[in-house]
Amino acid sequence: MGRDTVPDEFDPMANGGVIHERRHSLTWMLSSGTDWDDTDLST
């Protein structure tokens, strides 16, 4: 729609890392019996 998708102060390295880790932890918690390093983060 022609608008920015993230706020101006969004830093992909700092803020994107937080989002990645939160997604990783949620996926891991919902994947019973899966080791942290084996968590599938493909979409």
N, C-alpha and C. Protein backbone atom coordinates (compact mmCIF):
# COMPACT_ATOMS: atom_id res chain seq x y z
N MET A 1 0.82 -1.18 0.00
CA MET A 1 0.00 0.00 0.00
C MET A 1 0.87 1.26 0.00
N GLY A 2 2.17 1.08 -0.21
CA GLY A 2 3.05 2.23 -0.32
C GLY A 2 3.57 2.78 0.99
N ARG A 3 3.22 2.16 2.10
CA ARG A 3 3.70 2.65 3.40
C ARG A 3 4.85 1.79 3.88
N ASP A 4 5.64 2.37 4.81
CA ASP A 4 6.71 1.60 5.43
C ASP A 4 6.11 0.46 6.23
N THR A 5 6.82 -0.67 6.29
CA THR A 5 6.31 -1.83 7.01
C THR A 5 6.83 -1.92 8.44
N VAL A 6 7.88 -1.18 8.76
CA VAL A 6 8.43 -1.18 10.11
C VAL A 6 8.64 0.27 10.55
N PRO A 7 8.67 0.53 11.86
CA PRO A 7 8.92 1.89 12.33
C PRO A 7 10.31 2.38 11.94
N ASP A 8 10.49 3.70 11.87
CA ASP A 8 11.77 4.29 11.49
C ASP A 8 12.90 3.85 12.41
N GLU A 9 12.61 3.66 13.70
CA GLU A 9 13.65 3.31 14.68
C GLU A 9 13.99 1.82 14.69
N PHE A 10 13.37 1.03 13.83
CA PHE A 10 13.63 -0.41 13.77
C PHE A 10 15.03 -0.68 13.25
N ASP A 11 15.81 -1.43 14.00
CA ASP A 11 17.16 -1.81 13.60
C ASP A 11 17.14 -3.31 13.31
N PRO A 12 17.32 -3.72 12.04
CA PRO A 12 17.22 -5.14 11.71
C PRO A 12 18.18 -6.03 12.47
N MET A 13 19.36 -5.54 12.79
CA MET A 13 20.33 -6.36 13.52
C MET A 13 19.93 -6.51 14.99
N ALA A 14 19.57 -5.42 15.62
CA ALA A 14 19.23 -5.46 17.05
C ALA A 14 17.83 -6.01 17.27
N ASN A 15 16.85 -5.43 16.62
CA ASN A 15 15.46 -5.85 16.82
C ASN A 15 15.15 -7.17 16.13
N GLY A 16 15.74 -7.38 14.97
CA GLY A 16 15.51 -8.64 14.25
C GLY A 16 16.04 -9.84 15.00
N GLY A 17 17.15 -9.68 15.72
CA GLY A 17 17.71 -10.77 16.51
C GLY A 17 16.79 -11.17 17.64
N VAL A 18 16.16 -10.18 18.26
CA VAL A 18 15.21 -10.45 19.35
C VAL A 18 14.02 -11.24 18.81
N ILE A 19 13.51 -10.82 17.67
CA ILE A 19 12.36 -11.51 17.06
C ILE A 19 12.74 -12.95 16.74
N HIS A 20 13.92 -13.15 16.19
CA HIS A 20 14.38 -14.50 15.84
C HIS A 20 14.47 -15.38 17.08
N GLU A 21 15.06 -14.87 18.15
CA GLU A 21 15.22 -15.66 19.37
C GLU A 21 13.88 -15.98 20.01
N ARG A 22 12.96 -15.05 19.98
CA ARG A 22 11.62 -15.32 20.53
C ARG A 22 10.90 -16.39 19.72
N ARG A 23 11.03 -16.32 18.41
CA ARG A 23 10.40 -17.34 17.56
C ARG A 23 11.04 -18.70 17.80
N HIS A 24 12.37 -18.71 17.91
CA HIS A 24 13.08 -19.95 18.16
C HIS A 24 12.62 -20.57 19.47
N SER A 25 12.52 -19.75 20.52
CA SER A 25 12.13 -20.29 21.83
C SER A 25 10.69 -20.79 21.83
N LEU A 26 9.78 -20.07 21.17
CA LEU A 26 8.39 -20.52 21.11
C LEU A 26 8.28 -21.83 20.34
N THR A 27 8.96 -21.91 19.20
CA THR A 27 8.92 -23.14 18.40
C THR A 27 9.50 -24.31 19.19
N TRP A 28 10.59 -24.07 19.91
CA TRP A 28 11.22 -25.12 20.70
C TRP A 28 10.29 -25.59 21.81
N MET A 29 9.62 -24.65 22.50
CA MET A 29 8.71 -25.03 23.58
C MET A 29 7.54 -25.85 23.08
N LEU A 30 7.11 -25.61 21.85
CA LEU A 30 5.98 -26.34 21.29
C LEU A 30 6.37 -27.63 20.59
N SER A 31 7.68 -27.90 20.50
CA SER A 31 8.18 -29.09 19.82
C SER A 31 8.69 -30.09 20.85
N SER A 32 7.80 -30.84 21.41
CA SER A 32 8.12 -31.78 22.49
C SER A 32 9.21 -32.76 22.07
N GLY A 33 10.24 -32.87 22.91
CA GLY A 33 11.30 -33.84 22.68
C GLY A 33 12.36 -33.41 21.67
N THR A 34 12.30 -32.16 21.21
CA THR A 34 13.27 -31.67 20.22
C THR A 34 14.35 -30.86 20.92
N ASP A 35 15.61 -31.15 20.61
CA ASP A 35 16.71 -30.37 21.17
C ASP A 35 16.70 -28.97 20.58
N TRP A 36 17.23 -28.00 21.34
CA TRP A 36 17.28 -26.61 20.91
C TRP A 36 17.92 -26.47 19.53
N ASP A 37 19.05 -27.13 19.33
CA ASP A 37 19.77 -27.02 18.06
C ASP A 37 19.07 -27.74 16.91
N ASP A 38 18.11 -28.60 17.21
CA ASP A 38 17.39 -29.33 16.18
C ASP A 38 16.03 -28.72 15.86
N THR A 39 15.73 -27.58 16.47
CA THR A 39 14.43 -26.93 16.24
C THR A 39 14.34 -26.48 14.78
N ASP A 40 13.25 -26.88 14.11
CA ASP A 40 13.05 -26.55 12.70
C ASP A 40 12.45 -25.16 12.60
N LEU A 41 13.20 -24.20 12.05
CA LEU A 41 12.71 -22.83 11.91
C LEU A 41 12.36 -22.49 10.47
N SER A 42 12.27 -23.50 9.62
CA SER A 42 11.88 -23.23 8.23
C SER A 42 10.40 -22.81 8.19
N THR A 43 10.08 -22.04 7.20
CA THR A 43 8.69 -21.57 7.10
C THR A 43 8.02 -22.14 5.88
